[in-house]
Amino acid sequence: MSISKQDVKYIAALARIDVPEAQLDAMTKSLSDVVQYVETLQKLDVSNVKPTSHAVPVGNVWRQDQVKTSLTNQEALAIAVEAKEGSFKVPLVIE
């Protein structure tokens, strides 16, 4: 499969990326190379390869929970820029 300049323009529009006209040729070649490499990989026989999500084994490092005292509501609100009815008051961010 070959990639055309029109394909690059279409993909760039979908991704909302501005690709200057001067870079279209280079981008077209780069994307064509990527597609050609993927086509090469699709020819490989991977029927005996187990699917993996990581190249190396990954595990979580767990620690013991430690119960500690928390701030009281008054202590937490003491550093608030503005408080209202026992809660932090923040500016409205929805337009």
PDB file of N, CA and C in Angstrom:
ATOM      1  N   MET A   1       0.845  -1.177   0.000  1.00  0.00           N
ATOM      2  CA  MET A   1       0.000   0.000   0.000  1.00  0.00           C
ATOM      3  C   MET A   1       0.889   1.237   0.000  1.00  0.00           C
ATOM      4  N   SER A   2       0.608   2.141  -0.894  1.00  0.00           N
ATOM      5  CA  SER A   2       1.397   3.375  -0.932  1.00  0.00           C
ATOM      6  C   SER A   2       0.566   4.525  -0.360  1.00  0.00           C
ATOM      7  N   ILE A   3       1.260   5.463   0.220  1.00  0.00           N
ATOM      8  CA  ILE A   3       0.630   6.630   0.816  1.00  0.00           C
ATOM      9  C   ILE A   3       0.811   7.805  -0.145  1.00  0.00           C
ATOM     10  N   SER A   4      -0.266   8.506  -0.421  1.00  0.00           N
ATOM     11  CA  SER A   4      -0.184   9.668  -1.302  1.00  0.00           C
ATOM     12  C   SER A   4      -0.179  10.952  -0.479  1.00  0.00           C
ATOM     13  N   LYS A   5       0.098  12.049  -1.153  1.00  0.00           N
ATOM     14  CA  LYS A   5       0.062  13.346  -0.477  1.00  0.00           C
ATOM     15  C   LYS A   5      -1.346  13.636   0.050  1.00  0.00           C
ATOM     16  N   GLN A   6      -2.343  13.223  -0.711  1.00  0.00           N
ATOM     17  CA  GLN A   6      -3.728  13.426  -0.281  1.00  0.00           C
ATOM     18  C   GLN A   6      -4.005  12.644   1.005  1.00  0.00           C
ATOM     19  N   ASP A   7      -3.449  11.440   1.109  1.00  0.00           N
ATOM     20  CA  ASP A   7      -3.599  10.648   2.331  1.00  0.00           C
ATOM     21  C   ASP A   7      -2.969  11.366   3.523  1.00  0.00           C
ATOM     22  N   VAL A   8      -1.791  11.925   3.305  1.00  0.00           N
ATOM     23  CA  VAL A   8      -1.089  12.640   4.378  1.00  0.00           C
ATOM     24  C   VAL A   8      -1.905  13.853   4.808  1.00  0.00           C
ATOM     25  N   LYS A   9      -2.438  14.598   3.845  1.00  0.00           N
ATOM     26  CA  LYS A   9      -3.260  15.762   4.173  1.00  0.00           C
ATOM     27  C   LYS A   9      -4.497  15.346   4.963  1.00  0.00           C
ATOM     28  N   TYR A  10      -5.112  14.243   4.561  1.00  0.00           N
ATOM     29  CA  TYR A  10      -6.311  13.751   5.239  1.00  0.00           C
ATOM     30  C   TYR A  10      -5.992  13.307   6.671  1.00  0.00           C
ATOM     31  N   ILE A  11      -4.919  12.558   6.832  1.00  0.00           N
ATOM     32  CA  ILE A  11      -4.501  12.099   8.166  1.00  0.00           C
ATOM     33  C   ILE A  11      -4.140  13.289   9.047  1.00  0.00           C
ATOM     34  N   ALA A  12      -3.447  14.268   8.486  1.00  0.00           N
ATOM     35  CA  ALA A  12      -3.080  15.458   9.249  1.00  0.00           C
ATOM     36  C   ALA A  12      -4.324  16.228   9.684  1.00  0.00           C
ATOM     37  N   ALA A  13      -5.307  16.304   8.817  1.00  0.00           N
ATOM     38  CA  ALA A  13      -6.555  16.993   9.172  1.00  0.00           C
ATOM     39  C   ALA A  13      -7.279  16.251  10.289  1.00  0.00           C
ATOM     40  N   LEU A  14      -7.305  14.922  10.221  1.00  0.00           N
ATOM     41  CA  LEU A  14      -7.944  14.134  11.282  1.00  0.00           C
ATOM     42  C   LEU A  14      -7.242  14.324  12.614  1.00  0.00           C
ATOM     43  N   ALA A  15      -5.914  14.406  12.572  1.00  0.00           N
ATOM     44  CA  ALA A  15      -5.121  14.566  13.790  1.00  0.00           C
ATOM     45  C   ALA A  15      -4.995  16.031  14.198  1.00  0.00           C
ATOM     46  N   ARG A  16      -5.570  16.910  13.397  1.00  0.00           N
ATOM     47  CA  ARG A  16      -5.489  18.353  13.653  1.00  0.00           C
ATOM     48  C   ARG A  16      -4.028  18.821  13.761  1.00  0.00           C
ATOM     49  N   ILE A  17      -3.230  18.349  12.783  1.00  0.00           N
ATOM     50  CA  ILE A  17      -1.817  18.720  12.707  1.00  0.00           C
ATOM     51  C   ILE A  17      -1.615  19.517  11.429  1.00  0.00           C
ATOM     52  N   ASP A  18      -0.919  20.626  11.550  1.00  0.00           N
ATOM     53  CA  ASP A  18      -0.614  21.439  10.380  1.00  0.00           C
ATOM     54  C   ASP A  18       0.683  20.922   9.757  1.00  0.00           C
ATOM     55  N   VAL A  19       0.565  20.394   8.559  1.00  0.00           N
ATOM     56  CA  VAL A  19       1.751  19.937   7.833  1.00  0.00           C
ATOM     57  C   VAL A  19       1.975  20.910   6.685  1.00  0.00           C
ATOM     58  N   PRO A  20       3.028  21.721   6.774  1.00  0.00           N
ATOM     59  CA  PRO A  20       3.307  22.683   5.692  1.00  0.00           C
ATOM     60  C   PRO A  20       3.549  21.971   4.361  1.00  0.00           C
ATOM     61  N   GLU A  21       3.200  22.652   3.295  1.00  0.00           N
ATOM     62  CA  GLU A  21       3.350  22.087   1.942  1.00  0.00           C
ATOM     63  C   GLU A  21       4.793  21.653   1.676  1.00  0.00           C
ATOM     64  N   ALA A  22       5.751  22.366   2.247  1.00  0.00           N
ATOM     65  CA  ALA A  22       7.166  22.039   2.040  1.00  0.00           C
ATOM     66  C   ALA A  22       7.555  20.705   2.677  1.00  0.00           C
ATOM     67  N   GLN A  23       6.808  20.264   3.674  1.00  0.00           N
ATOM     68  CA  GLN A  23       7.139  19.020   4.371  1.00  0.00           C
ATOM     69  C   GLN A  23       6.286  17.836   3.912  1.00  0.00           C
ATOM     70  N   LEU A  24       5.374  18.072   2.976  1.00  0.00           N
ATOM     71  CA  LEU A  24       4.483  16.991   2.537  1.00  0.00           C
ATOM     72  C   LEU A  24       5.237  15.827   1.917  1.00  0.00           C
ATOM     73  N   ASP A  25       6.232  16.123   1.087  1.00  0.00           N
ATOM     74  CA  ASP A  25       6.986  15.034   0.438  1.00  0.00           C
ATOM     75  C   ASP A  25       7.705  14.171   1.478  1.00  0.00           C
ATOM     76  N   ALA A  26       8.367  14.821   2.428  1.00  0.00           N
ATOM     77  CA  ALA A  26       9.097  14.073   3.453  1.00  0.00           C
ATOM     78  C   ALA A  26       8.138  13.261   4.327  1.00  0.00           C
ATOM     79  N   MET A  27       7.014  13.862   4.688  1.00  0.00           N
ATOM     80  CA  MET A  27       6.039  13.156   5.516  1.00  0.00           C
ATOM     81  C   MET A  27       5.420  11.980   4.763  1.00  0.00           C
ATOM     82  N   THR A  28       5.167  12.170   3.478  1.00  0.00           N
ATOM     83  CA  THR A  28       4.622  11.088   2.653  1.00  0.00           C
ATOM     84  C   THR A  28       5.595   9.917   2.592  1.00  0.00           C
ATOM     85  N   LYS A  29       6.876  10.221   2.403  1.00  0.00           N
ATOM     86  CA  LYS A  29       7.894   9.156   2.365  1.00  0.00           C
ATOM     87  C   LYS A  29       7.978   8.455   3.712  1.00  0.00           C
ATOM     88  N   SER A  30       7.970   9.210   4.805  1.00  0.00           N
ATOM     89  CA  SER A  30       8.072   8.615   6.143  1.00  0.00           C
ATOM     90  C   SER A  30       6.890   7.691   6.419  1.00  0.00           C
ATOM     91  N   LEU A  31       5.690   8.149   6.138  1.00  0.00           N
ATOM     92  CA  LEU A  31       4.509   7.308   6.377  1.00  0.00           C
ATOM     93  C   LEU A  31       4.501   6.078   5.472  1.00  0.00           C
ATOM     94  N   SER A  32       4.952   6.243   4.237  1.00  0.00           N
ATOM     95  CA  SER A  32       5.042   5.091   3.324  1.00  0.00           C
ATOM     96  C   SER A  32       6.023   4.054   3.863  1.00  0.00           C
ATOM     97  N   ASP A  33       7.148   4.527   4.409  1.00  0.00           N
ATOM     98  CA  ASP A  33       8.131   3.615   4.998  1.00  0.00           C
ATOM     99  C   ASP A  33       7.545   2.861   6.194  1.00  0.00           C
ATOM    100  N   VAL A  34       6.788   3.555   7.009  1.00  0.00           N
ATOM    101  CA  VAL A  34       6.162   2.910   8.173  1.00  0.00           C
ATOM    102  C   VAL A  34       5.176   1.837   7.713  1.00  0.00           C
ATOM    103  N   VAL A  35       4.334   2.177   6.760  1.00  0.00           N
ATOM    104  CA  VAL A  35       3.344   1.211   6.260  1.00  0.00           C
ATOM    105  C   VAL A  35       4.042   0.023   5.625  1.00  0.00           C
ATOM    106  N   GLN A  36       5.113   0.262   4.878  1.00  0.00           N
ATOM    107  CA  GLN A  36       5.862  -0.830   4.249  1.00  0.00           C
ATOM    108  C   GLN A  36       6.468  -1.748   5.320  1.00  0.00           C
ATOM    109  N   TYR A  37       6.977  -1.166   6.403  1.00  0.00           N
ATOM    110  CA  TYR A  37       7.561  -1.974   7.475  1.00  0.00           C
ATOM    111  C   TYR A  37       6.484  -2.813   8.169  1.00  0.00           C
ATOM    112  N   VAL A  38       5.312  -2.235   8.384  1.00  0.00           N
ATOM    113  CA  VAL A  38       4.215  -2.985   9.002  1.00  0.00           C
ATOM    114  C   VAL A  38       3.795  -4.133   8.087  1.00  0.00           C
ATOM    115  N   GLU A  39       3.747  -3.896   6.800  1.00  0.00           N
ATOM    116  CA  GLU A  39       3.415  -4.972   5.861  1.00  0.00           C
ATOM    117  C   GLU A  39       4.445  -6.089   5.933  1.00  0.00           C
ATOM    118  N   THR A  40       5.724  -5.741   6.112  1.00  0.00           N
ATOM    119  CA  THR A  40       6.781  -6.742   6.274  1.00  0.00           C
ATOM    120  C   THR A  40       6.558  -7.543   7.549  1.00  0.00           C
ATOM    121  N   LEU A  41       6.204  -6.858   8.636  1.00  0.00           N
ATOM    122  CA  LEU A  41       5.962  -7.551   9.905  1.00  0.00           C
ATOM    123  C   LEU A  41       4.754  -8.482   9.824  1.00  0.00           C
ATOM    124  N   GLN A  42       3.752  -8.115   9.040  1.00  0.00           N
ATOM    125  CA  GLN A  42       2.551  -8.948   8.920  1.00  0.00           C
ATOM    126  C   GLN A  42       2.851 -10.285   8.235  1.00  0.00           C
ATOM    127  N   LYS A  43       3.940 -10.376   7.512  1.00  0.00           N
ATOM    128  CA  LYS A  43       4.308 -11.614   6.831  1.00  0.00           C
ATOM    129  C   LYS A  43       4.960 -12.631   7.770  1.00  0.00           C
ATOM    130  N   LEU A  44       5.363 -12.191   8.959  1.00  0.00           N
ATOM    131  CA  LEU A  44       6.028 -13.084   9.908  1.00  0.00           C
ATOM    132  C   LEU A  44       5.056 -14.103  10.481  1.00  0.00           C
ATOM    133  N   ASP A  45       5.553 -15.306  10.728  1.00  0.00           N
ATOM    134  CA  ASP A  45       4.755 -16.348  11.363  1.00  0.00           C
ATOM    135  C   ASP A  45       4.899 -16.206  12.877  1.00  0.00           C
ATOM    136  N   VAL A  46       3.840 -15.771  13.516  1.00  0.00           N
ATOM    137  CA  VAL A  46       3.864 -15.584  14.965  1.00  0.00           C
ATOM    138  C   VAL A  46       2.876 -16.521  15.658  1.00  0.00           C
ATOM    139  N   SER A  47       2.540 -17.611  14.991  1.00  0.00           N
ATOM    140  CA  SER A  47       1.547 -18.523  15.550  1.00  0.00           C
ATOM    141  C   SER A  47       2.032 -19.189  16.842  1.00  0.00           C
ATOM    142  N   ASN A  48       3.336 -19.334  17.035  1.00  0.00           N
ATOM    143  CA  ASN A  48       3.858 -19.969  18.251  1.00  0.00           C
ATOM    144  C   ASN A  48       4.356 -18.956  19.287  1.00  0.00           C
ATOM    145  N   VAL A  49       4.035 -17.687  19.091  1.00  0.00           N
ATOM    146  CA  VAL A  49       4.476 -16.648  20.020  1.00  0.00           C
ATOM    147  C   VAL A  49       3.321 -16.297  20.950  1.00  0.00           C
ATOM    148  N   LYS A  50       3.602 -16.360  22.256  1.00  0.00           N
ATOM    149  CA  LYS A  50       2.561 -16.016  23.217  1.00  0.00           C
ATOM    150  C   LYS A  50       2.333 -14.510  23.218  1.00  0.00           C
ATOM    151  N   PRO A  51       1.069 -14.090  23.288  1.00  0.00           N
ATOM    152  CA  PRO A  51       0.800 -12.654  23.365  1.00  0.00           C
ATOM    153  C   PRO A  51       1.317 -12.079  24.688  1.00  0.00           C
ATOM    154  N   THR A  52       1.860 -10.881  24.629  1.00  0.00           N
ATOM    155  CA  THR A  52       2.350 -10.224  25.837  1.00  0.00           C
ATOM    156  C   THR A  52       1.921  -8.768  25.830  1.00  0.00           C
ATOM    157  N   SER A  53       1.869  -8.190  27.011  1.00  0.00           N
ATOM    158  CA  SER A  53       1.602  -6.758  27.089  1.00  0.00           C
ATOM    159  C   SER A  53       2.868  -5.999  27.451  1.00  0.00           C
ATOM    160  N   HIS A  54       3.868  -6.711  27.977  1.00  0.00           N
ATOM    161  CA  HIS A  54       5.147  -6.106  28.335  1.00  0.00           C
ATOM    162  C   HIS A  54       6.277  -7.036  27.893  1.00  0.00           C
ATOM    163  N   ALA A  55       7.387  -6.439  27.541  1.00  0.00           N
ATOM    164  CA  ALA A  55       8.529  -7.238  27.102  1.00  0.00           C
ATOM    165  C   ALA A  55       9.199  -7.953  28.261  1.00  0.00           C
ATOM    166  N   VAL A  56       9.093  -7.395  29.446  1.00  0.00           N
ATOM    167  CA  VAL A  56       9.682  -7.999  30.643  1.00  0.00           C
ATOM    168  C   VAL A  56       8.592  -8.130  31.699  1.00  0.00           C
ATOM    169  N   PRO A  57       8.735  -9.075  32.618  1.00  0.00           N
ATOM    170  CA  PRO A  57       7.710  -9.213  33.656  1.00  0.00           C
ATOM    171  C   PRO A  57       7.596  -7.939  34.504  1.00  0.00           C
ATOM    172  N   VAL A  58       6.371  -7.572  34.798  1.00  0.00           N
ATOM    173  CA  VAL A  58       6.115  -6.366  35.570  1.00  0.00           C
ATOM    174  C   VAL A  58       5.326  -6.759  36.816  1.00  0.00           C
ATOM    175  N   GLY A  59       5.720  -6.217  37.955  1.00  0.00           N
ATOM    176  CA  GLY A  59       4.992  -6.494  39.188  1.00  0.00           C
ATOM    177  C   GLY A  59       4.860  -5.244  40.019  1.00  0.00           C
ATOM    178  N   ASN A  60       3.866  -5.227  40.873  1.00  0.00           N
ATOM    179  CA  ASN A  60       3.674  -4.086  41.766  1.00  0.00           C
ATOM    180  C   ASN A  60       4.530  -4.236  43.009  1.00  0.00           C
ATOM    181  N   VAL A  61       4.978  -3.128  43.514  1.00  0.00           N
ATOM    182  CA  VAL A  61       5.713  -3.110  44.766  1.00  0.00           C
ATOM    183  C   VAL A  61       4.736  -2.611  45.822  1.00  0.00           C
ATOM    184  N   TRP A  62       4.425  -3.469  46.770  1.00  0.00           N
ATOM    185  CA  TRP A  62       3.444  -3.123  47.781  1.00  0.00           C
ATOM    186  C   TRP A  62       4.141  -2.760  49.084  1.00  0.00           C
ATOM    187  N   ARG A  63       3.526  -1.860  49.821  1.00  0.00           N
ATOM    188  CA  ARG A  63       4.011  -1.531  51.155  1.00  0.00           C
ATOM    189  C   ARG A  63       2.852  -1.689  52.122  1.00  0.00           C
ATOM    190  N   GLN A  64       3.168  -1.834  53.372  1.00  0.00           N
ATOM    191  CA  GLN A  64       2.144  -1.945  54.387  1.00  0.00           C
ATOM    192  C   GLN A  64       1.487  -0.577  54.599  1.00  0.00           C
ATOM    193  N   ASP A  65       0.171  -0.582  54.749  1.00  0.00           N
ATOM    194  CA  ASP A  65      -0.532   0.654  55.079  1.00  0.00           C
ATOM    195  C   ASP A  65      -0.214   1.043  56.507  1.00  0.00           C
ATOM    196  N   GLN A  66      -0.033   2.325  56.717  1.00  0.00           N
ATOM    197  CA  GLN A  66       0.218   2.826  58.056  1.00  0.00           C
ATOM    198  C   GLN A  66      -0.851   3.854  58.388  1.00  0.00           C
ATOM    199  N   VAL A  67      -1.529   3.645  59.481  1.00  0.00           N
ATOM    200  CA  VAL A  67      -2.566   4.564  59.906  1.00  0.00           C
ATOM    201  C   VAL A  67      -1.904   5.763  60.560  1.00  0.00           C
ATOM    202  N   LYS A  68      -2.237   6.946  60.066  1.00  0.00           N
ATOM    203  CA  LYS A  68      -1.701   8.185  60.617  1.00  0.00           C
ATOM    204  C   LYS A  68      -2.870   9.128  60.891  1.00  0.00           C
ATOM    205  N   THR A  69      -2.631  10.093  61.742  1.00  0.00           N
ATOM    206  CA  THR A  69      -3.682  11.057  62.027  1.00  0.00           C
ATOM    207  C   THR A  69      -3.831  12.010  60.849  1.00  0.00           C
ATOM    208  N   SER A  70      -5.051  12.419  60.610  1.00  0.00           N
ATOM    209  CA  SER A  70      -5.350  13.339  59.517  1.00  0.00           C
ATOM    210  C   SER A  70      -5.535  14.743  60.054  1.00  0.00           C
ATOM    211  N   LEU A  71      -5.565  15.704  59.145  1.00  0.00           N
ATOM    212  CA  LEU A  71      -5.895  17.067  59.532  1.00  0.00           C
ATOM    213  C   LEU A  71      -7.383  17.142  59.874  1.00  0.00           C
ATOM    214  N   THR A  72      -7.690  17.973  60.817  1.00  0.00           N
ATOM    215  CA  THR A  72      -9.108  18.216  61.083  1.00  0.00           C
ATOM    216  C   THR A  72      -9.624  19.137  59.991  1.00  0.00           C
ATOM    217  N   ASN A  73     -10.934  19.253  59.893  1.00  0.00           N
ATOM    218  CA  ASN A  73     -11.534  20.125  58.899  1.00  0.00           C
ATOM    219  C   ASN A  73     -11.068  21.565  59.105  1.00  0.00           C
ATOM    220  N   GLN A  74     -10.994  21.998  60.339  1.00  0.00           N
ATOM    221  CA  GLN A  74     -10.567  23.365  60.632  1.00  0.00           C
ATOM    222  C   GLN A  74      -9.104  23.581  60.236  1.00  0.00           C
ATOM    223  N   GLU A  75      -8.240  22.601  60.488  1.00  0.00           N
ATOM    224  CA  GLU A  75      -6.829  22.716  60.128  1.00  0.00           C
ATOM    225  C   GLU A  75      -6.655  22.803  58.608  1.00  0.00           C
ATOM    226  N   ALA A  76      -7.411  21.996  57.886  1.00  0.00           N
ATOM    227  CA  ALA A  76      -7.317  22.007  56.431  1.00  0.00           C
ATOM    228  C   ALA A  76      -7.818  23.334  55.876  1.00  0.00           C
ATOM    229  N   LEU A  77      -8.928  23.815  56.392  1.00  0.00           N
ATOM    230  CA  LEU A  77      -9.496  25.064  55.894  1.00  0.00           C
ATOM    231  C   LEU A  77      -8.703  26.289  56.330  1.00  0.00           C
ATOM    232  N   ALA A  78      -7.812  26.137  57.303  1.00  0.00           N
ATOM    233  CA  ALA A  78      -7.009  27.263  57.774  1.00  0.00           C
ATOM    234  C   ALA A  78      -6.079  27.779  56.683  1.00  0.00           C
ATOM    235  N   ILE A  79      -5.697  26.930  55.736  1.00  0.00           N
ATOM    236  CA  ILE A  79      -4.802  27.359  54.648  1.00  0.00           C
ATOM    237  C   ILE A  79      -5.572  27.684  53.367  1.00  0.00           C
ATOM    238  N   ALA A  80      -6.896  27.571  53.391  1.00  0.00           N
ATOM    239  CA  ALA A  80      -7.708  27.820  52.203  1.00  0.00           C
ATOM    240  C   ALA A  80      -7.725  29.298  51.863  1.00  0.00           C
ATOM    241  N   VAL A  81      -7.720  29.612  50.591  1.00  0.00           N
ATOM    242  CA  VAL A  81      -7.851  30.988  50.143  1.00  0.00           C
ATOM    243  C   VAL A  81      -9.251  31.485  50.498  1.00  0.00           C
ATOM    244  N   GLU A  82     -10.238  30.599  50.274  1.00  0.00           N
ATOM    245  CA  GLU A  82     -11.612  30.953  50.600  1.00  0.00           C
ATOM    246  C   GLU A  82     -12.360  29.678  50.980  1.00  0.00           C
ATOM    247  N   ALA A  83     -13.185  29.756  52.000  1.00  0.00           N
ATOM    248  CA  ALA A  83     -13.964  28.605  52.463  1.00  0.00           C
ATOM    249  C   ALA A  83     -15.418  29.021  52.587  1.00  0.00           C
ATOM    250  N   LYS A  84     -16.299  28.044  52.447  1.00  0.00           N
ATOM    251  CA  LYS A  84     -17.732  28.305  52.586  1.00  0.00           C
ATOM    252  C   LYS A  84     -18.392  27.056  53.139  1.00  0.00           C
ATOM    253  N   GLU A  85     -19.078  27.200  54.243  1.00  0.00           N
ATOM    254  CA  GLU A  85     -19.845  26.114  54.869  1.00  0.00           C
ATOM    255  C   GLU A  85     -18.992  24.867  55.090  1.00  0.00           C
ATOM    256  N   GLY A  86     -17.775  25.030  55.571  1.00  0.00           N
ATOM    257  CA  GLY A  86     -16.916  23.908  55.906  1.00  0.00           C
ATOM    258  C   GLY A  86     -16.230  23.240  54.723  1.00  0.00           C
ATOM    259  N   SER A  87     -16.239  23.892  53.552  1.00  0.00           N
ATOM    260  CA  SER A  87     -15.613  23.320  52.351  1.00  0.00           C
ATOM    261  C   SER A  87     -14.730  24.369  51.693  1.00  0.00           C
ATOM    262  N   PHE A  88     -13.814  23.909  50.852  1.00  0.00           N
ATOM    263  CA  PHE A  88     -13.009  24.828  50.057  1.00  0.00           C
ATOM    264  C   PHE A  88     -13.920  25.459  49.010  1.00  0.00           C
ATOM    265  N   LYS A  89     -13.799  26.748  48.806  1.00  0.00           N
ATOM    266  CA  LYS A  89     -14.559  27.413  47.750  1.00  0.00           C
ATOM    267  C   LYS A  89     -13.586  27.688  46.604  1.00  0.00           C
ATOM    268  N   VAL A  90     -13.955  27.261  45.412  1.00  0.00           N
ATOM    269  CA  VAL A  90     -13.086  27.411  44.249  1.00  0.00           C
ATOM    270  C   VAL A  90     -13.857  28.137  43.159  1.00  0.00           C
ATOM    271  N   PRO A  91     -13.149  28.766  42.240  1.00  0.00           N
ATOM    272  CA  PRO A  91     -13.854  29.469  41.149  1.00  0.00           C
ATOM    273  C   PRO A  91     -14.567  28.492  40.224  1.00  0.00           C
ATOM    274  N   LEU A  92     -15.652  28.940  39.649  1.00  0.00           N
ATOM    275  CA  LEU A  92     -16.402  28.147  38.670  1.00  0.00           C
ATOM    276  C   LEU A  92     -15.559  27.999  37.413  1.00  0.00           C
ATOM    277  N   VAL A  93     -15.401  26.764  36.923  1.00  0.00           N
ATOM    278  CA  VAL A  93     -14.578  26.535  35.727  1.00  0.00           C
ATOM    279  C   VAL A  93     -15.396  26.117  34.531  1.00  0.00           C
ATOM    280  N   ILE A  94     -16.688  25.990  34.673  1.00  0.00           N
ATOM    281  CA  ILE A  94     -17.555  25.600  33.550  1.00  0.00           C
ATOM    282  C   ILE A  94     -18.107  26.853  32.916  1.00  0.00           C
ATOM    283  N   GLU A  95     -18.004  26.936  31.604  1.00  0.00           N
ATOM    284  CA  GLU A  95     -18.537  28.108  30.905  1.00  0.00           C
ATOM    285  C   GLU A  95     -19.974  27.885  30.543  1.00  0.00           C
TER     286      GLU A  95
END
